[in-house]
Amino acid sequence: MCVVISNLTNSLQTYMDMISMRQKLVSSNIANADTPGYKTQDIDMKASFESMLTGGLAQQADVNGLAVKNDGNNVDLDREARLLAENSMRFNMAATLMKSQIAEVREAIKEGPA
């Protein structure tokens, strides 16, 4: 059971790290909403998580399909606000799962060996 808990907590930690990276990118996108020529950056969540689980890095990339303003900037503040809310929900869910894993370990320690 210890290995299962360790694997799950490591996966949750990796997931939370990835969400944190995405949060930084979204914040950067918002900060550069008026910067001429700035291109929106994001992380491919599925590919990045799979890569990070095997020791790789998050896959940062330009976002295609966004409307480009006359100054060459393509930041969509509505999209970025939605991503902030989505990231918050994802992080809270992962934190709740992590807390439950820690509670299980604490309970197992209190009960001692069978």
PDB file of N, CA and C in Angstrom:
ATOM      1  N   MET A   1       0.829  -1.194   0.000  1.00  0.00           N
ATOM      2  CA  MET A   1       0.000   0.000   0.000  1.00  0.00           C
ATOM      3  C   MET A   1       0.873   1.258   0.000  1.00  0.00           C
ATOM      4  N   CYS A   2       2.016   1.187   0.648  1.00  0.00           N
ATOM      5  CA  CYS A   2       2.911   2.338   0.732  1.00  0.00           C
ATOM      6  C   CYS A   2       3.367   2.787  -0.657  1.00  0.00           C
ATOM      7  N   VAL A   3       3.665   1.823  -1.537  1.00  0.00           N
ATOM      8  CA  VAL A   3       4.100   2.145  -2.896  1.00  0.00           C
ATOM      9  C   VAL A   3       2.966   2.806  -3.672  1.00  0.00           C
ATOM     10  N   VAL A   4       1.740   2.320  -3.494  1.00  0.00           N
ATOM     11  CA  VAL A   4       0.581   2.889  -4.184  1.00  0.00           C
ATOM     12  C   VAL A   4       0.367   4.332  -3.747  1.00  0.00           C
ATOM     13  N   ILE A   5       0.444   4.567  -2.439  1.00  0.00           N
ATOM     14  CA  ILE A   5       0.276   5.932  -1.922  1.00  0.00           C
ATOM     15  C   ILE A   5       1.399   6.822  -2.438  1.00  0.00           C
ATOM     16  N   SER A   6       2.620   6.313  -2.431  1.00  0.00           N
ATOM     17  CA  SER A   6       3.752   7.091  -2.929  1.00  0.00           C
ATOM     18  C   SER A   6       3.567   7.438  -4.404  1.00  0.00           C
ATOM     19  N   ASN A   7       3.151   6.476  -5.213  1.00  0.00           N
ATOM     20  CA  ASN A   7       2.926   6.733  -6.640  1.00  0.00           C
ATOM     21  C   ASN A   7       1.830   7.766  -6.849  1.00  0.00           C
ATOM     22  N   LEU A   8       0.752   7.634  -6.077  1.00  0.00           N
ATOM     23  CA  LEU A   8      -0.355   8.579  -6.216  1.00  0.00           C
ATOM     24  C   LEU A   8       0.064   9.978  -5.783  1.00  0.00           C
ATOM     25  N   THR A   9       0.735  10.095  -4.653  1.00  0.00           N
ATOM     26  CA  THR A   9       1.156  11.423  -4.199  1.00  0.00           C
ATOM     27  C   THR A   9       2.186  12.028  -5.149  1.00  0.00           C
ATOM     28  N   ASN A  10       3.071  11.212  -5.707  1.00  0.00           N
ATOM     29  CA  ASN A  10       4.034  11.733  -6.691  1.00  0.00           C
ATOM     30  C   ASN A  10       3.309  12.228  -7.939  1.00  0.00           C
ATOM     31  N   SER A  11       2.305  11.478  -8.383  1.00  0.00           N
ATOM     32  CA  SER A  11       1.524  11.902  -9.556  1.00  0.00           C
ATOM     33  C   SER A  11       0.768  13.185  -9.266  1.00  0.00           C
ATOM     34  N   LEU A  12       0.180  13.283  -8.071  1.00  0.00           N
ATOM     35  CA  LEU A  12      -0.535  14.505  -7.697  1.00  0.00           C
ATOM     36  C   LEU A  12       0.423  15.691  -7.622  1.00  0.00           C
ATOM     37  N   GLN A  13       1.605  15.463  -7.082  1.00  0.00           N
ATOM     38  CA  GLN A  13       2.595  16.537  -7.012  1.00  0.00           C
ATOM     39  C   GLN A  13       2.977  16.999  -8.418  1.00  0.00           C
ATOM     40  N   THR A  14       3.196  16.052  -9.301  1.00  0.00           N
ATOM     41  CA  THR A  14       3.532  16.386 -10.691  1.00  0.00           C
ATOM     42  C   THR A  14       2.404  17.180 -11.335  1.00  0.00           C
ATOM     43  N   TYR A  15       1.176  16.746 -11.116  1.00  0.00           N
ATOM     44  CA  TYR A  15       0.003  17.432 -11.668  1.00  0.00           C
ATOM     45  C   TYR A  15      -0.086  18.857 -11.121  1.00  0.00           C
ATOM     46  N   MET A  16       0.129  19.022  -9.825  1.00  0.00           N
ATOM     47  CA  MET A  16       0.062  20.351  -9.220  1.00  0.00           C
ATOM     48  C   MET A  16       1.197  21.244  -9.734  1.00  0.00           C
ATOM     49  N   ASP A  17       2.364  20.671  -9.953  1.00  0.00           N
ATOM     50  CA  ASP A  17       3.478  21.432 -10.542  1.00  0.00           C
ATOM     51  C   ASP A  17       3.112  21.926 -11.937  1.00  0.00           C
ATOM     52  N   MET A  18       2.475  21.063 -12.714  1.00  0.00           N
ATOM     53  CA  MET A  18       2.082  21.429 -14.070  1.00  0.00           C
ATOM     54  C   MET A  18       1.028  22.546 -14.040  1.00  0.00           C
ATOM     55  N   ILE A  19       0.081  22.441 -13.134  1.00  0.00           N
ATOM     56  CA  ILE A  19      -0.943  23.483 -13.011  1.00  0.00           C
ATOM     57  C   ILE A  19      -0.292  24.807 -12.620  1.00  0.00           C
ATOM     58  N   SER A  20       0.690  24.746 -11.741  1.00  0.00           N
ATOM     59  CA  SER A  20       1.405  25.950 -11.334  1.00  0.00           C
ATOM     60  C   SER A  20       2.128  26.583 -12.533  1.00  0.00           C
ATOM     61  N   MET A  21       2.746  25.744 -13.356  1.00  0.00           N
ATOM     62  CA  MET A  21       3.417  26.252 -14.567  1.00  0.00           C
ATOM     63  C   MET A  21       2.410  26.918 -15.495  1.00  0.00           C
ATOM     64  N   ARG A  22       1.258  26.290 -15.645  1.00  0.00           N
ATOM     65  CA  ARG A  22       0.236  26.858 -16.523  1.00  0.00           C
ATOM     66  C   ARG A  22      -0.257  28.189 -15.958  1.00  0.00           C
ATOM     67  N   GLN A  23      -0.399  28.259 -14.644  1.00  0.00           N
ATOM     68  CA  GLN A  23      -0.854  29.497 -14.008  1.00  0.00           C
ATOM     69  C   GLN A  23       0.118  30.636 -14.314  1.00  0.00           C
ATOM     70  N   LYS A  24       1.412  30.346 -14.292  1.00  0.00           N
ATOM     71  CA  LYS A  24       2.422  31.362 -14.605  1.00  0.00           C
ATOM     72  C   LYS A  24       2.294  31.823 -16.053  1.00  0.00           C
ATOM     73  N   LEU A  25       2.045  30.874 -16.962  1.00  0.00           N
ATOM     74  CA  LEU A  25       1.879  31.247 -18.372  1.00  0.00           C
ATOM     75  C   LEU A  25       0.638  32.101 -18.572  1.00  0.00           C
ATOM     76  N   VAL A  26      -0.456  31.721 -17.937  1.00  0.00           N
ATOM     77  CA  VAL A  26      -1.700  32.491 -18.069  1.00  0.00           C
ATOM     78  C   VAL A  26      -1.497  33.899 -17.509  1.00  0.00           C
ATOM     79  N   SER A  27      -0.823  33.998 -16.376  1.00  0.00           N
ATOM     80  CA  SER A  27      -0.535  35.315 -15.789  1.00  0.00           C
ATOM     81  C   SER A  27       0.335  36.149 -16.727  1.00  0.00           C
ATOM     82  N   SER A  28       1.303  35.502 -17.355  1.00  0.00           N
ATOM     83  CA  SER A  28       2.160  36.198 -18.311  1.00  0.00           C
ATOM     84  C   SER A  28       1.354  36.657 -19.524  1.00  0.00           C
ATOM     85  N   ASN A  29       0.455  35.812 -19.978  1.00  0.00           N
ATOM     86  CA  ASN A  29      -0.405  36.195 -21.110  1.00  0.00           C
ATOM     87  C   ASN A  29      -1.219  37.439 -20.764  1.00  0.00           C
ATOM     88  N   ILE A  30      -1.798  37.441 -19.580  1.00  0.00           N
ATOM     89  CA  ILE A  30      -2.618  38.587 -19.150  1.00  0.00           C
ATOM     90  C   ILE A  30      -1.742  39.833 -19.033  1.00  0.00           C
ATOM     91  N   ALA A  31      -0.559  39.693 -18.452  1.00  0.00           N
ATOM     92  CA  ALA A  31       0.349  40.835 -18.285  1.00  0.00           C
ATOM     93  C   ALA A  31       0.785  41.405 -19.627  1.00  0.00           C
ATOM     94  N   ASN A  32       0.805  40.565 -20.653  1.00  0.00           N
ATOM     95  CA  ASN A  32       1.250  41.003 -21.981  1.00  0.00           C
ATOM     96  C   ASN A  32       0.099  41.238 -22.954  1.00  0.00           C
ATOM     97  N   ALA A  33      -1.100  41.397 -22.436  1.00  0.00           N
ATOM     98  CA  ALA A  33      -2.275  41.577 -23.296  1.00  0.00           C
ATOM     99  C   ALA A  33      -2.157  42.797 -24.209  1.00  0.00           C
ATOM    100  N   ASP A  34      -1.388  43.780 -23.807  1.00  0.00           N
ATOM    101  CA  ASP A  34      -1.224  44.995 -24.619  1.00  0.00           C
ATOM    102  C   ASP A  34       0.156  45.114 -25.247  1.00  0.00           C
ATOM    103  N   THR A  35       0.943  44.053 -25.193  1.00  0.00           N
ATOM    104  CA  THR A  35       2.287  44.071 -25.774  1.00  0.00           C
ATOM    105  C   THR A  35       2.213  43.739 -27.261  1.00  0.00           C
ATOM    106  N   PRO A  36       2.595  44.667 -28.127  1.00  0.00           N
ATOM    107  CA  PRO A  36       2.534  44.391 -29.566  1.00  0.00           C
ATOM    108  C   PRO A  36       3.354  43.154 -29.939  1.00  0.00           C
ATOM    109  N   GLY A  37       2.753  42.296 -30.755  1.00  0.00           N
ATOM    110  CA  GLY A  37       3.439  41.120 -31.260  1.00  0.00           C
ATOM    111  C   GLY A  37       3.478  39.929 -30.309  1.00  0.00           C
ATOM    112  N   TYR A  38       2.968  40.087 -29.083  1.00  0.00           N
ATOM    113  CA  TYR A  38       3.013  38.986 -28.113  1.00  0.00           C
ATOM    114  C   TYR A  38       2.072  37.867 -28.555  1.00  0.00           C
ATOM    115  N   LYS A  39       2.558  36.646 -28.458  1.00  0.00           N
ATOM    116  CA  LYS A  39       1.762  35.465 -28.813  1.00  0.00           C
ATOM    117  C   LYS A  39       1.420  34.679 -27.548  1.00  0.00           C
ATOM    118  N   THR A  40       0.161  34.338 -27.393  1.00  0.00           N
ATOM    119  CA  THR A  40      -0.324  33.586 -26.244  1.00  0.00           C
ATOM    120  C   THR A  40       0.404  32.253 -26.113  1.00  0.00           C
ATOM    121  N   GLN A  41       0.830  31.943 -24.883  1.00  0.00           N
ATOM    122  CA  GLN A  41       1.503  30.686 -24.575  1.00  0.00           C
ATOM    123  C   GLN A  41       0.597  29.844 -23.686  1.00  0.00           C
ATOM    124  N   ASP A  42       0.712  28.538 -23.815  1.00  0.00           N
ATOM    125  CA  ASP A  42      -0.059  27.626 -22.975  1.00  0.00           C
ATOM    126  C   ASP A  42       0.698  26.307 -22.877  1.00  0.00           C
ATOM    127  N   ILE A  43       0.144  25.381 -22.127  1.00  0.00           N
ATOM    128  CA  ILE A  43       0.703  24.051 -21.972  1.00  0.00           C
ATOM    129  C   ILE A  43      -0.322  23.042 -22.462  1.00  0.00           C
ATOM    130  N   ASP A  44       0.122  22.076 -23.240  1.00  0.00           N
ATOM    131  CA  ASP A  44      -0.731  20.953 -23.616  1.00  0.00           C
ATOM    132  C   ASP A  44      -0.823  20.080 -22.369  1.00  0.00           C
ATOM    133  N   MET A  45      -1.949  20.139 -21.669  1.00  0.00           N
ATOM    134  CA  MET A  45      -2.076  19.493 -20.362  1.00  0.00           C
ATOM    135  C   MET A  45      -1.846  17.985 -20.430  1.00  0.00           C
ATOM    136  N   LYS A  46      -2.474  17.311 -21.363  1.00  0.00           N
ATOM    137  CA  LYS A  46      -2.363  15.847 -21.435  1.00  0.00           C
ATOM    138  C   LYS A  46      -0.930  15.423 -21.775  1.00  0.00           C
ATOM    139  N   ALA A  47      -0.385  15.985 -22.842  1.00  0.00           N
ATOM    140  CA  ALA A  47       0.976  15.618 -23.265  1.00  0.00           C
ATOM    141  C   ALA A  47       2.004  15.996 -22.204  1.00  0.00           C
ATOM    142  N   SER A  48       1.832  17.147 -21.565  1.00  0.00           N
ATOM    143  CA  SER A  48       2.774  17.589 -20.552  1.00  0.00           C
ATOM    144  C   SER A  48       2.734  16.687 -19.329  1.00  0.00           C
ATOM    145  N   PHE A  49       1.532  16.300 -18.902  1.00  0.00           N
ATOM    146  CA  PHE A  49       1.409  15.434 -17.727  1.00  0.00           C
ATOM    147  C   PHE A  49       2.060  14.086 -17.995  1.00  0.00           C
ATOM    148  N   GLU A  50       1.787  13.521 -19.165  1.00  0.00           N
ATOM    149  CA  GLU A  50       2.404  12.235 -19.524  1.00  0.00           C
ATOM    150  C   GLU A  50       3.925  12.368 -19.570  1.00  0.00           C
ATOM    151  N   SER A  51       4.418  13.461 -20.125  1.00  0.00           N
ATOM    152  CA  SER A  51       5.857  13.680 -20.210  1.00  0.00           C
ATOM    153  C   SER A  51       6.467  13.847 -18.826  1.00  0.00           C
ATOM    154  N   MET A  52       5.822  14.629 -17.978  1.00  0.00           N
ATOM    155  CA  MET A  52       6.354  14.902 -16.650  1.00  0.00           C
ATOM    156  C   MET A  52       6.349  13.655 -15.769  1.00  0.00           C
ATOM    157  N   LEU A  53       5.384  12.767 -15.973  1.00  0.00           N
ATOM    158  CA  LEU A  53       5.338  11.527 -15.191  1.00  0.00           C
ATOM    159  C   LEU A  53       6.546  10.637 -15.468  1.00  0.00           C
ATOM    160  N   THR A  54       7.117  10.787 -16.651  1.00  0.00           N
ATOM    161  CA  THR A  54       8.283   9.970 -17.010  1.00  0.00           C
ATOM    162  C   THR A  54       9.585  10.762 -16.905  1.00  0.00           C
ATOM    163  N   GLY A  55       9.532  11.903 -16.196  1.00  0.00           N
ATOM    164  CA  GLY A  55      10.738  12.690 -15.970  1.00  0.00           C
ATOM    165  C   GLY A  55      10.988  13.766 -17.004  1.00  0.00           C
ATOM    166  N   GLY A  56      10.066  13.925 -17.945  1.00  0.00           N
ATOM    167  CA  GLY A  56      10.222  14.954 -18.975  1.00  0.00           C
ATOM    168  C   GLY A  56       9.756  16.313 -18.493  1.00  0.00           C
ATOM    169  N   LEU A  57       9.642  17.218 -19.430  1.00  0.00           N
ATOM    170  CA  LEU A  57       9.240  18.584 -19.121  1.00  0.00           C
ATOM    171  C   LEU A  57       7.874  18.894 -19.715  1.00  0.00           C
ATOM    172  N   ALA A  58       7.245  19.934 -19.178  1.00  0.00           N
ATOM    173  CA  ALA A  58       5.974  20.404 -19.722  1.00  0.00           C
ATOM    174  C   ALA A  58       6.197  20.941 -21.132  1.00  0.00           C
ATOM    175  N   GLN A  59       5.213  20.756 -21.974  1.00  0.00           N
ATOM    176  CA  GLN A  59       5.308  21.179 -23.373  1.00  0.00           C
ATOM    177  C   GLN A  59       4.639  22.541 -23.555  1.00  0.00           C
ATOM    178  N   GLN A  60       5.442  23.596 -23.503  1.00  0.00           N
ATOM    179  CA  GLN A  60       4.938  24.948 -23.707  1.00  0.00           C
ATOM    180  C   GLN A  60       4.851  25.219 -25.192  1.00  0.00           C
ATOM    181  N   ALA A  61       3.758  25.871 -25.614  1.00  0.00           N
ATOM    182  CA  ALA A  61       3.591  26.124 -27.046  1.00  0.00           C
ATOM    183  C   ALA A  61       2.737  27.365 -27.283  1.00  0.00           C
ATOM    184  N   ASP A  62       2.872  27.909 -28.486  1.00  0.00           N
ATOM    185  CA  ASP A  62       1.979  28.984 -28.905  1.00  0.00           C
ATOM    186  C   ASP A  62       0.588  28.402 -29.067  1.00  0.00           C
ATOM    187  N   VAL A  63      -0.426  29.245 -28.891  1.00  0.00           N
ATOM    188  CA  VAL A  63      -1.809  28.820 -29.049  1.00  0.00           C
ATOM    189  C   VAL A  63      -2.288  29.270 -30.420  1.00  0.00           C
ATOM    190  N   ASN A  64      -2.733  28.328 -31.214  1.00  0.00           N
ATOM    191  CA  ASN A  64      -3.225  28.640 -32.559  1.00  0.00           C
ATOM    192  C   ASN A  64      -4.726  28.888 -32.539  1.00  0.00           C
ATOM    193  N   GLY A  65      -5.209  29.591 -33.543  1.00  0.00           N
ATOM    194  CA  GLY A  65      -6.643  29.790 -33.711  1.00  0.00           C
ATOM    195  C   GLY A  65      -7.216  30.980 -32.969  1.00  0.00           C
ATOM    196  N   LEU A  66      -6.383  31.782 -32.334  1.00  0.00           N
ATOM    197  CA  LEU A  66      -6.884  32.971 -31.643  1.00  0.00           C
ATOM    198  C   LEU A  66      -6.873  34.156 -32.596  1.00  0.00           C
ATOM    199  N   ALA A  67      -7.812  35.048 -32.390  1.00  0.00           N
ATOM    200  CA  ALA A  67      -7.875  36.250 -33.223  1.00  0.00           C
ATOM    201  C   ALA A  67      -6.651  37.123 -32.953  1.00  0.00           C
ATOM    202  N   VAL A  68      -6.028  37.592 -34.023  1.00  0.00           N
ATOM    203  CA  VAL A  68      -4.839  38.443 -33.916  1.00  0.00           C
ATOM    204  C   VAL A  68      -5.267  39.896 -34.120  1.00  0.00           C
ATOM    205  N   LYS A  69      -4.863  40.747 -33.169  1.00  0.00           N
ATOM    206  CA  LYS A  69      -5.182  42.169 -33.256  1.00  0.00           C
ATOM    207  C   LYS A  69      -4.256  42.840 -34.263  1.00  0.00           C
ATOM    208  N   ASN A  70      -4.537  44.089 -34.583  1.00  0.00           N
ATOM    209  CA  ASN A  70      -3.740  44.838 -35.548  1.00  0.00           C
ATOM    210  C   ASN A  70      -2.268  44.934 -35.165  1.00  0.00           C
ATOM    211  N   ASP A  71      -1.970  44.895 -33.844  1.00  0.00           N
ATOM    212  CA  ASP A  71      -0.586  45.005 -33.392  1.00  0.00           C
ATOM    213  C   ASP A  71       0.130  43.650 -33.337  1.00  0.00           C
ATOM    214  N   GLY A  72      -0.558  42.576 -33.790  1.00  0.00           N
ATOM    215  CA  GLY A  72       0.047  41.256 -33.820  1.00  0.00           C
ATOM    216  C   GLY A  72      -0.141  40.451 -32.539  1.00  0.00           C
ATOM    217  N   ASN A  73      -0.771  41.042 -31.534  1.00  0.00           N
ATOM    218  CA  ASN A  73      -1.021  40.372 -30.258  1.00  0.00           C
ATOM    219  C   ASN A  73      -2.282  39.510 -30.388  1.00  0.00           C
ATOM    220  N   ASN A  74      -2.253  38.307 -29.801  1.00  0.00           N
ATOM    221  CA  ASN A  74      -3.433  37.446 -29.899  1.00  0.00           C
ATOM    222  C   ASN A  74      -3.983  37.007 -28.538  1.00  0.00           C
ATOM    223  N   VAL A  75      -3.678  37.752 -27.483  1.00  0.00           N
ATOM    224  CA  VAL A  75      -4.181  37.396 -26.150  1.00  0.00           C
ATOM    225  C   VAL A  75      -5.680  37.676 -26.079  1.00  0.00           C
ATOM    226  N   ASP A  76      -6.441  36.674 -25.674  1.00  0.00           N
ATOM    227  CA  ASP A  76      -7.883  36.784 -25.479  1.00  0.00           C
ATOM    228  C   ASP A  76      -8.134  36.757 -23.971  1.00  0.00           C
ATOM    229  N   LEU A  77      -8.452  37.926 -23.403  1.00  0.00           N
ATOM    230  CA  LEU A  77      -8.605  38.020 -21.952  1.00  0.00           C
ATOM    231  C   LEU A  77      -9.731  37.142 -21.419  1.00  0.00           C
ATOM    232  N   ASP A  78     -10.795  36.943 -22.193  1.00  0.00           N
ATOM    233  CA  ASP A  78     -11.867  36.048 -21.747  1.00  0.00           C
ATOM    234  C   ASP A  78     -11.349  34.620 -21.619  1.00  0.00           C
ATOM    235  N   ARG A  79     -10.557  34.177 -22.580  1.00  0.00           N
ATOM    236  CA  ARG A  79      -9.976  32.833 -22.533  1.00  0.00           C
ATOM    237  C   ARG A  79      -9.063  32.696 -21.321  1.00  0.00           C
ATOM    238  N   GLU A  80      -8.243  33.701 -21.093  1.00  0.00           N
ATOM    239  CA  GLU A  80      -7.292  33.653 -19.977  1.00  0.00           C
ATOM    240  C   GLU A  80      -8.025  33.643 -18.636  1.00  0.00           C
ATOM    241  N   ALA A  81      -9.106  34.411 -18.520  1.00  0.00           N
ATOM    242  CA  ALA A  81      -9.895  34.410 -17.275  1.00  0.00           C
ATOM    243  C   ALA A  81     -10.516  33.030 -17.044  1.00  0.00           C
ATOM    244  N   ARG A  82     -10.986  32.388 -18.113  1.00  0.00           N
ATOM    245  CA  ARG A  82     -11.552  31.039 -17.994  1.00  0.00           C
ATOM    246  C   ARG A  82     -10.481  30.061 -17.540  1.00  0.00           C
ATOM    247  N   LEU A  83      -9.272  30.193 -18.098  1.00  0.00           N
ATOM    248  CA  LEU A  83      -8.178  29.304 -17.703  1.00  0.00           C
ATOM    249  C   LEU A  83      -7.764  29.515 -16.247  1.00  0.00           C
ATOM    250  N   LEU A  84      -7.814  30.761 -15.763  1.00  0.00           N
ATOM    251  CA  LEU A  84      -7.518  31.009 -14.353  1.00  0.00           C
ATOM    252  C   LEU A  84      -8.505  30.269 -13.460  1.00  0.00           C
ATOM    253  N   ALA A  85      -9.787  30.348 -13.807  1.00  0.00           N
ATOM    254  CA  ALA A  85     -10.816  29.660 -13.014  1.00  0.00           C
ATOM    255  C   ALA A  85     -10.644  28.141 -13.105  1.00  0.00           C
ATOM    256  N   GLU A  86     -10.369  27.647 -14.303  1.00  0.00           N
ATOM    257  CA  GLU A  86     -10.162  26.208 -14.504  1.00  0.00           C
ATOM    258  C   GLU A  86      -8.952  25.720 -13.709  1.00  0.00           C
ATOM    259  N   ASN A  87      -7.863  26.472 -13.761  1.00  0.00           N
ATOM    260  CA  ASN A  87      -6.662  26.103 -13.009  1.00  0.00           C
ATOM    261  C   ASN A  87      -6.936  26.058 -11.518  1.00  0.00           C
ATOM    262  N   SER A  88      -7.688  27.026 -11.035  1.00  0.00           N
ATOM    263  CA  SER A  88      -8.023  27.064  -9.612  1.00  0.00           C
ATOM    264  C   SER A  88      -8.798  25.812  -9.209  1.00  0.00           C
ATOM    265  N   MET A  89      -9.776  25.428 -10.010  1.00  0.00           N
ATOM    266  CA  MET A  89     -10.557  24.225  -9.710  1.00  0.00           C
ATOM    267  C   MET A  89      -9.684  22.981  -9.764  1.00  0.00           C
ATOM    268  N   ARG A  90      -8.828  22.887 -10.768  1.00  0.00           N
ATOM    269  CA  ARG A  90      -7.935  21.725 -10.894  1.00  0.00           C
ATOM    270  C   ARG A  90      -6.997  21.630  -9.690  1.00  0.00           C
ATOM    271  N   PHE A  91      -6.424  22.759  -9.292  1.00  0.00           N
ATOM    272  CA  PHE A  91      -5.481  22.752  -8.179  1.00  0.00           C
ATOM    273  C   PHE A  91      -6.187  22.381  -6.878  1.00  0.00           C
ATOM    274  N   ASN A  92      -7.376  22.955  -6.656  1.00  0.00           N
ATOM    275  CA  ASN A  92      -8.134  22.640  -5.445  1.00  0.00           C
ATOM    276  C   ASN A  92      -8.495  21.160  -5.389  1.00  0.00           C
ATOM    277  N   MET A  93      -8.870  20.580  -6.520  1.00  0.00           N
ATOM    278  CA  MET A  93      -9.199  19.159  -6.563  1.00  0.00           C
ATOM    279  C   MET A  93      -7.966  18.322  -6.217  1.00  0.00           C
ATOM    280  N   ALA A  94      -6.838  18.653  -6.807  1.00  0.00           N
ATOM    281  CA  ALA A  94      -5.608  17.908  -6.536  1.00  0.00           C
ATOM    282  C   ALA A  94      -5.183  18.071  -5.079  1.00  0.00           C
ATOM    283  N   ALA A  95      -5.328  19.264  -4.535  1.00  0.00           N
ATOM    284  CA  ALA A  95      -4.971  19.502  -3.134  1.00  0.00           C
ATOM    285  C   ALA A  95      -5.876  18.691  -2.208  1.00  0.00           C
ATOM    286  N   THR A  96      -7.149  18.596  -2.543  1.00  0.00           N
ATOM    287  CA  THR A  96      -8.079  17.799  -1.746  1.00  0.00           C
ATOM    288  C   THR A  96      -7.691  16.321  -1.787  1.00  0.00           C
ATOM    289  N   LEU A  97      -7.342  15.827  -2.966  1.00  0.00           N
ATOM    290  CA  LEU A  97      -6.902  14.435  -3.076  1.00  0.00           C
ATOM    291  C   LEU A  97      -5.615  14.201  -2.289  1.00  0.00           C
ATOM    292  N   MET A  98      -4.692  15.160  -2.345  1.00  0.00           N
ATOM    293  CA  MET A  98      -3.439  15.035  -1.605  1.00  0.00           C
ATOM    294  C   MET A  98      -3.717  14.999  -0.107  1.00  0.00           C
ATOM    295  N   LYS A  99      -4.611  15.861   0.367  1.00  0.00           N
ATOM    296  CA  LYS A  99      -4.963  15.876   1.793  1.00  0.00           C
ATOM    297  C   LYS A  99      -5.553  14.541   2.226  1.00  0.00           C
ATOM    298  N   SER A 100      -6.385  13.952   1.373  1.00  0.00           N
ATOM    299  CA  SER A 100      -6.978  12.665   1.741  1.00  0.00           C
ATOM    300  C   SER A 100      -5.918  11.568   1.797  1.00  0.00           C
ATOM    301  N   GLN A 101      -4.919  11.636   0.915  1.00  0.00           N
ATOM    302  CA  GLN A 101      -3.831  10.659   0.958  1.00  0.00           C
ATOM    303  C   GLN A 101      -3.011  10.814   2.239  1.00  0.00           C
ATOM    304  N   ILE A 102      -2.757  12.036   2.615  1.00  0.00           N
ATOM    305  CA  ILE A 102      -2.002  12.290   3.841  1.00  0.00           C
ATOM    306  C   ILE A 102      -2.803  11.811   5.053  1.00  0.00           C
ATOM    307  N   ALA A 103      -4.111  12.041   5.039  1.00  0.00           N
ATOM    308  CA  ALA A 103      -4.960  11.583   6.140  1.00  0.00           C
ATOM    309  C   ALA A 103      -4.933  10.058   6.249  1.00  0.00           C
ATOM    310  N   GLU A 104      -4.934   9.363   5.111  1.00  0.00           N
ATOM    311  CA  GLU A 104      -4.859   7.898   5.129  1.00  0.00           C
ATOM    312  C   GLU A 104      -3.544   7.423   5.734  1.00  0.00           C
ATOM    313  N   VAL A 105      -2.453   8.070   5.381  1.00  0.00           N
ATOM    314  CA  VAL A 105      -1.147   7.696   5.928  1.00  0.00           C
ATOM    315  C   VAL A 105      -1.124   7.950   7.431  1.00  0.00           C
ATOM    316  N   ARG A 106      -1.639   9.088   7.847  1.00  0.00           N
ATOM    317  CA  ARG A 106      -1.687   9.391   9.283  1.00  0.00           C
ATOM    318  C   ARG A 106      -2.502   8.347  10.037  1.00  0.00           C
ATOM    319  N   GLU A 107      -3.627   7.985   9.474  1.00  0.00           N
ATOM    320  CA  GLU A 107      -4.485   6.986  10.110  1.00  0.00           C
ATOM    321  C   GLU A 107      -3.776   5.641  10.201  1.00  0.00           C
ATOM    322  N   ALA A 108      -3.073   5.265   9.168  1.00  0.00           N
ATOM    323  CA  ALA A 108      -2.327   3.999   9.178  1.00  0.00           C
ATOM    324  C   ALA A 108      -1.221   4.029  10.233  1.00  0.00           C
ATOM    325  N   ILE A 109      -0.579   5.170  10.390  1.00  0.00           N
ATOM    326  CA  ILE A 109       0.486   5.296  11.389  1.00  0.00           C
ATOM    327  C   ILE A 109      -0.106   5.197  12.798  1.00  0.00           C
ATOM    328  N   LYS A 110      -1.240   5.840  13.017  1.00  0.00           N
ATOM    329  CA  LYS A 110      -1.891   5.796  14.336  1.00  0.00           C
ATOM    330  C   LYS A 110      -2.285   4.372  14.715  1.00  0.00           C
ATOM    331  N   GLU A 111      -2.817   3.633  13.747  1.00  0.00           N
ATOM    332  CA  GLU A 111      -3.281   2.273  14.022  1.00  0.00           C
ATOM    333  C   GLU A 111      -2.117   1.315  14.191  1.00  0.00           C
ATOM    334  N   GLY A 112      -1.005   1.586  13.579  1.00  0.00           N
ATOM    335  CA  GLY A 112       0.167   0.710  13.708  1.00  0.00           C
ATOM    336  C   GLY A 112       0.000  -0.560  12.915  1.00  0.00           C
ATOM    337  N   PRO A 113       0.989  -1.469  13.036  1.00  0.00           N
ATOM    338  CA  PRO A 113       0.939  -2.718  12.267  1.00  0.00           C
ATOM    339  C   PRO A 113      -0.206  -3.606  12.727  1.00  0.00           C
ATOM    340  N   ALA A 114      -0.733  -4.350  11.775  1.00  0.00           N
ATOM    341  CA  ALA A 114      -1.865  -5.243  12.061  1.00  0.00           C
ATOM    342  C   ALA A 114      -1.429  -6.493  12.761  1.00  0.00           C
TER     343      ALA A 114
END
